[in-house]
Structure formats: C-alpha cells, structure tokens
C-alpha cells in the first residue's frame, strides 16, 4: 500500500490509468484480506454462519472489512469535491464485490453484528492504521478518482 505504486501510473493514458487504479485498489484489498485471513486462521478455529446469501460470490469478510475501514477513514481525508466521487466508487466497488446482493451496505451492517466479523474488522482497522496518513490518503484519493 504505497503511494509509489500509484505515482508510477501518472505517465499512462487515461484508459490505462483507470485499469492501473482499479488493479491497484483491488490488489490492496485482496492483499489486506489474505494477510488478515492468515492471521485470524492462526488465532481462531471457529466458523460462524451468517444469514446472508453469499453464494456465488468470491468476496471474503476480510475484503468487506477493508472496504468498511476505507469508508470510515477516507471521508475525513478527502476534499468536499472528492467525497461524492469516493462514495460513488465505494458503492460501485461494494456492488462489484457482492453482485448478488441488492444492498451491500445492509450486508455490512448485518455483518457488523457478528462476532467473527467484528474481530476481522478490528484487525483491518489496526492494519490500516499501521500505514502512514499519506499512504492511506493516497489509497482514498485513488478510490475517489477511479471510475468503476
């Protein structure tokens, strides 16, 4: 999760830049999720079932938690012009991660009531806060500037 990753894309054409930004955002989310899954697997052997139909989706609770953390930290880091674009990209990304759900935000709200998800969410918050404010802001800005 480095600003350098996003700086290298400044010389690309706009379509290529959009692909790079989408790829970088998804790579960040996936990397965070995989890291946290490995950590949680080592510390917890319990699995809970949630009444949300996540069949046909390849999204993990870790990926959802990363998106939730971004929704918590990004608005404060963005300008008033960037915030609407961030929310649009955020909602599009949620829909892409959970395409079979009508309201992915409702799914996040429900997941937030589940103990196993709350543990994952807390680990994602800690992981995100381990990066500098500038690095987190770069991710937020890239999400706000992406076109999903």
C-alpha atoms as a PDB file:
ATOM      1  CA  UNK A   1       0.000   0.000   0.000  1.00  0.00           C
ATOM      2  CA  UNK A   2       2.435   2.571  -1.173  1.00  0.00           C
ATOM      3  CA  UNK A   3       1.885   5.913  -2.809  1.00  0.00           C
ATOM      4  CA  UNK A   4       4.763   4.967  -5.135  1.00  0.00           C
ATOM      5  CA  UNK A   5       2.558   2.299  -6.692  1.00  0.00           C
ATOM      6  CA  UNK A   6       0.106   4.979  -7.718  1.00  0.00           C
ATOM      7  CA  UNK A   7       2.728   7.532  -8.727  1.00  0.00           C
ATOM      8  CA  UNK A   8       4.054   5.239 -11.435  1.00  0.00           C
ATOM      9  CA  UNK A   9       0.724   5.433 -13.237  1.00  0.00           C
ATOM     10  CA  UNK A  10       0.942   9.199 -13.876  1.00  0.00           C
ATOM     11  CA  UNK A  11       2.553   8.726 -17.292  1.00  0.00           C
ATOM     12  CA  UNK A  12      -0.081   6.311 -18.608  1.00  0.00           C
ATOM     13  CA  UNK A  13      -3.025   7.138 -20.867  1.00  0.00           C
ATOM     14  CA  UNK A  14      -6.402   7.704 -19.164  1.00  0.00           C
ATOM     15  CA  UNK A  15      -7.841   4.222 -20.022  1.00  0.00           C
ATOM     16  CA  UNK A  16      -4.616   2.564 -18.888  1.00  0.00           C
ATOM     17  CA  UNK A  17      -4.592   4.702 -15.757  1.00  0.00           C
ATOM     18  CA  UNK A  18      -8.141   3.575 -14.886  1.00  0.00           C
ATOM     19  CA  UNK A  19      -7.098  -0.061 -15.235  1.00  0.00           C
ATOM     20  CA  UNK A  20      -3.988   0.526 -13.134  1.00  0.00           C
ATOM     21  CA  UNK A  21      -6.019   2.287 -10.432  1.00  0.00           C
ATOM     22  CA  UNK A  22      -8.665  -0.453 -10.338  1.00  0.00           C
ATOM     23  CA  UNK A  23      -5.990  -3.124 -10.258  1.00  0.00           C
ATOM     24  CA  UNK A  24      -4.056  -1.350  -7.506  1.00  0.00           C
ATOM     25  CA  UNK A  25      -7.158  -0.871  -5.370  1.00  0.00           C
ATOM     26  CA  UNK A  26      -8.231  -4.488  -5.790  1.00  0.00           C
ATOM     27  CA  UNK A  27      -4.689  -5.708  -5.134  1.00  0.00           C
ATOM     28  CA  UNK A  28      -4.598  -3.680  -1.923  1.00  0.00           C
ATOM     29  CA  UNK A  29      -7.952  -5.054  -0.784  1.00  0.00           C
ATOM     30  CA  UNK A  30      -7.014  -8.621  -1.682  1.00  0.00           C
ATOM     31  CA  UNK A  31      -3.577  -8.388  -0.047  1.00  0.00           C
ATOM     32  CA  UNK A  32      -5.059  -6.994   3.133  1.00  0.00           C
ATOM     33  CA  UNK A  33      -7.702  -9.683   3.180  1.00  0.00           C
ATOM     34  CA  UNK A  34      -5.226 -12.507   2.634  1.00  0.00           C
ATOM     35  CA  UNK A  35      -2.881 -11.202   5.316  1.00  0.00           C
ATOM     36  CA  UNK A  36      -5.671 -10.864   7.818  1.00  0.00           C
ATOM     37  CA  UNK A  37      -7.144 -14.270   6.939  1.00  0.00           C
ATOM     38  CA  UNK A  38      -3.820 -15.923   7.644  1.00  0.00           C
ATOM     39  CA  UNK A  39      -3.523 -14.081  10.958  1.00  0.00           C
ATOM     40  CA  UNK A  40      -7.064 -14.910  12.008  1.00  0.00           C
ATOM     41  CA  UNK A  41      -6.795 -18.530  10.892  1.00  0.00           C
ATOM     42  CA  UNK A  42      -3.839 -18.940  13.176  1.00  0.00           C
ATOM     43  CA  UNK A  43      -5.683 -17.395  16.119  1.00  0.00           C
ATOM     44  CA  UNK A  44      -9.233 -18.715  15.662  1.00  0.00           C
ATOM     45  CA  UNK A  45     -10.722 -22.024  14.663  1.00  0.00           C
ATOM     46  CA  UNK A  46     -14.389 -21.030  14.954  1.00  0.00           C
ATOM     47  CA  UNK A  47     -16.550 -20.513  11.917  1.00  0.00           C
ATOM     48  CA  UNK A  48     -19.935 -18.890  12.091  1.00  0.00           C
ATOM     49  CA  UNK A  49     -22.743 -18.916   9.608  1.00  0.00           C
ATOM     50  CA  UNK A  50     -24.472 -15.686   8.703  1.00  0.00           C
ATOM     51  CA  UNK A  51     -27.923 -15.441   7.120  1.00  0.00           C
ATOM     52  CA  UNK A  52     -26.709 -13.518   4.090  1.00  0.00           C
ATOM     53  CA  UNK A  53     -26.711 -15.347   0.809  1.00  0.00           C
ATOM     54  CA  UNK A  54     -23.102 -15.010  -0.234  1.00  0.00           C
ATOM     55  CA  UNK A  55     -23.292 -17.948  -2.624  1.00  0.00           C
ATOM     56  CA  UNK A  56     -21.849 -17.245  -5.991  1.00  0.00           C
ATOM     57  CA  UNK A  57     -19.642 -14.530  -4.552  1.00  0.00           C
ATOM     58  CA  UNK A  58     -15.924 -14.856  -4.142  1.00  0.00           C
ATOM     59  CA  UNK A  59     -15.708 -11.954  -1.686  1.00  0.00           C
ATOM     60  CA  UNK A  60     -14.382 -12.650   1.788  1.00  0.00           C
ATOM     61  CA  UNK A  61     -15.271 -10.992   5.061  1.00  0.00           C
ATOM     62  CA  UNK A  62     -11.742  -9.611   5.057  1.00  0.00           C
ATOM     63  CA  UNK A  63     -12.283  -7.812   1.757  1.00  0.00           C
ATOM     64  CA  UNK A  64     -15.571  -6.420   3.020  1.00  0.00           C
ATOM     65  CA  UNK A  65     -13.852  -5.249   6.203  1.00  0.00           C
ATOM     66  CA  UNK A  66     -11.175  -3.416   4.202  1.00  0.00           C
ATOM     67  CA  UNK A  67     -13.905  -1.583   2.305  1.00  0.00           C
ATOM     68  CA  UNK A  68     -15.670  -0.743   5.560  1.00  0.00           C
ATOM     69  CA  UNK A  69     -12.458   0.666   7.045  1.00  0.00           C
ATOM     70  CA  UNK A  70     -11.938   2.790   3.930  1.00  0.00           C
ATOM     71  CA  UNK A  71     -15.466   4.147   4.333  1.00  0.00           C
ATOM     72  CA  UNK A  72     -14.574   5.105   7.905  1.00  0.00           C
ATOM     73  CA  UNK A  73     -11.233   6.792   7.278  1.00  0.00           C
ATOM     74  CA  UNK A  74     -11.461   8.243   3.779  1.00  0.00           C
ATOM     75  CA  UNK A  75     -14.153  10.925   4.045  1.00  0.00           C
ATOM     76  CA  UNK A  76     -12.118  12.878   6.603  1.00  0.00           C
ATOM     77  CA  UNK A  77      -9.057  12.743   4.324  1.00  0.00           C
ATOM     78  CA  UNK A  78     -10.797  13.943   1.167  1.00  0.00           C
ATOM     79  CA  UNK A  79     -11.858  17.351  -0.088  1.00  0.00           C
ATOM     80  CA  UNK A  80     -15.530  18.224  -0.487  1.00  0.00           C
ATOM     81  CA  UNK A  81     -15.161  17.660  -4.251  1.00  0.00           C
ATOM     82  CA  UNK A  82     -13.574  14.228  -3.780  1.00  0.00           C
ATOM     83  CA  UNK A  83     -16.126  12.880  -1.278  1.00  0.00           C
ATOM     84  CA  UNK A  84     -19.034  12.389  -3.715  1.00  0.00           C
ATOM     85  CA  UNK A  85     -16.699  10.619  -6.160  1.00  0.00           C
ATOM     86  CA  UNK A  86     -15.377   8.461  -3.314  1.00  0.00           C
ATOM     87  CA  UNK A  87     -18.896   7.413  -2.280  1.00  0.00           C
ATOM     88  CA  UNK A  88     -19.817   6.632  -5.880  1.00  0.00           C
ATOM     89  CA  UNK A  89     -16.693   4.487  -6.344  1.00  0.00           C
ATOM     90  CA  UNK A  90     -17.132   2.908  -2.915  1.00  0.00           C
ATOM     91  CA  UNK A  91     -20.731   1.899  -3.677  1.00  0.00           C
ATOM     92  CA  UNK A  92     -19.742   0.603  -7.110  1.00  0.00           C
ATOM     93  CA  UNK A  93     -16.916  -1.405  -5.569  1.00  0.00           C
ATOM     94  CA  UNK A  94     -19.277  -2.898  -2.967  1.00  0.00           C
ATOM     95  CA  UNK A  95     -21.702  -3.876  -5.717  1.00  0.00           C
ATOM     96  CA  UNK A  96     -18.844  -5.438  -7.676  1.00  0.00           C
ATOM     97  CA  UNK A  97     -17.696  -7.395  -4.614  1.00  0.00           C
ATOM     98  CA  UNK A  98     -21.241  -8.542  -3.754  1.00  0.00           C
ATOM     99  CA  UNK A  99     -23.101  -8.586  -7.076  1.00  0.00           C
ATOM    100  CA  UNK A 100     -25.964 -10.829  -5.957  1.00  0.00           C
ATOM    101  CA  UNK A 101     -27.000  -8.545  -3.094  1.00  0.00           C
ATOM    102  CA  UNK A 102     -29.422  -5.692  -3.641  1.00  0.00           C
ATOM    103  CA  UNK A 103     -27.969  -3.629  -0.801  1.00  0.00           C
ATOM    104  CA  UNK A 104     -24.352  -4.472   0.038  1.00  0.00           C
ATOM    105  CA  UNK A 105     -24.301  -1.756   2.727  1.00  0.00           C
ATOM    106  CA  UNK A 106     -27.106  -3.565   4.569  1.00  0.00           C
ATOM    107  CA  UNK A 107     -24.977  -6.718   4.400  1.00  0.00           C
ATOM    108  CA  UNK A 108     -22.095  -4.822   6.006  1.00  0.00           C
ATOM    109  CA  UNK A 109     -24.416  -3.568   8.740  1.00  0.00           C
ATOM    110  CA  UNK A 110     -25.562  -7.110   9.421  1.00  0.00           C
ATOM    111  CA  UNK A 111     -22.033  -8.494   9.358  1.00  0.00           C
ATOM    112  CA  UNK A 112     -21.074  -5.832  11.909  1.00  0.00           C
ATOM    113  CA  UNK A 113     -23.339  -7.588  14.420  1.00  0.00           C
ATOM    114  CA  UNK A 114     -21.392 -10.844  14.063  1.00  0.00           C
ATOM    115  CA  UNK A 115     -18.539 -11.533  16.463  1.00  0.00           C
ATOM    116  CA  UNK A 116     -16.236 -13.146  13.895  1.00  0.00           C
ATOM    117  CA  UNK A 117     -16.651 -10.212  11.512  1.00  0.00           C
ATOM    118  CA  UNK A 118     -16.077  -7.670  14.283  1.00  0.00           C
ATOM    119  CA  UNK A 119     -12.739  -9.375  15.019  1.00  0.00           C
ATOM    120  CA  UNK A 120     -11.791  -9.236  11.338  1.00  0.00           C
ATOM    121  CA  UNK A 121     -12.884  -5.598  11.145  1.00  0.00           C
ATOM    122  CA  UNK A 122     -10.791  -4.685  14.162  1.00  0.00           C
ATOM    123  CA  UNK A 123      -7.726  -6.369  12.673  1.00  0.00           C
ATOM    124  CA  UNK A 124      -8.291  -4.469   9.388  1.00  0.00           C
ATOM    125  CA  UNK A 125      -8.560  -1.195  11.320  1.00  0.00           C
ATOM    126  CA  UNK A 126      -5.296  -1.915  13.122  1.00  0.00           C
ATOM    127  CA  UNK A 127      -3.595  -2.972   9.910  1.00  0.00           C
ATOM    128  CA  UNK A 128      -4.758   0.172   8.090  1.00  0.00           C
ATOM    129  CA  UNK A 129      -3.601   2.424  10.918  1.00  0.00           C
ATOM    130  CA  UNK A 130      -0.133   0.858  10.727  1.00  0.00           C
ATOM    131  CA  UNK A 131       0.398   2.800   7.481  1.00  0.00           C
ATOM    132  CA  UNK A 132       1.169   6.489   7.330  1.00  0.00           C
ATOM    133  CA  UNK A 133      -1.584   9.031   6.893  1.00  0.00           C
ATOM    134  CA  UNK A 134      -0.114   9.901   3.478  1.00  0.00           C
ATOM    135  CA  UNK A 135      -0.278   6.280   2.307  1.00  0.00           C
ATOM    136  CA  UNK A 136      -3.870   5.898   3.481  1.00  0.00           C
ATOM    137  CA  UNK A 137      -4.795   9.221   1.880  1.00  0.00           C
ATOM    138  CA  UNK A 138      -3.272   8.072  -1.426  1.00  0.00           C
ATOM    139  CA  UNK A 139      -5.491   4.970  -1.390  1.00  0.00           C
ATOM    140  CA  UNK A 140      -8.544   7.096  -0.556  1.00  0.00           C
ATOM    141  CA  UNK A 141      -7.754   9.545  -3.347  1.00  0.00           C
ATOM    142  CA  UNK A 142      -7.216   6.733  -5.837  1.00  0.00           C
ATOM    143  CA  UNK A 143     -10.575   5.236  -4.922  1.00  0.00           C
ATOM    144  CA  UNK A 144     -12.185   8.679  -5.261  1.00  0.00           C
ATOM    145  CA  UNK A 145     -10.536   9.191  -8.640  1.00  0.00           C
ATOM    146  CA  UNK A 146     -11.262   5.744 -10.047  1.00  0.00           C
ATOM    147  CA  UNK A 147     -14.064   5.173 -12.498  1.00  0.00           C
ATOM    148  CA  UNK A 148     -15.929   1.990 -11.717  1.00  0.00           C
END
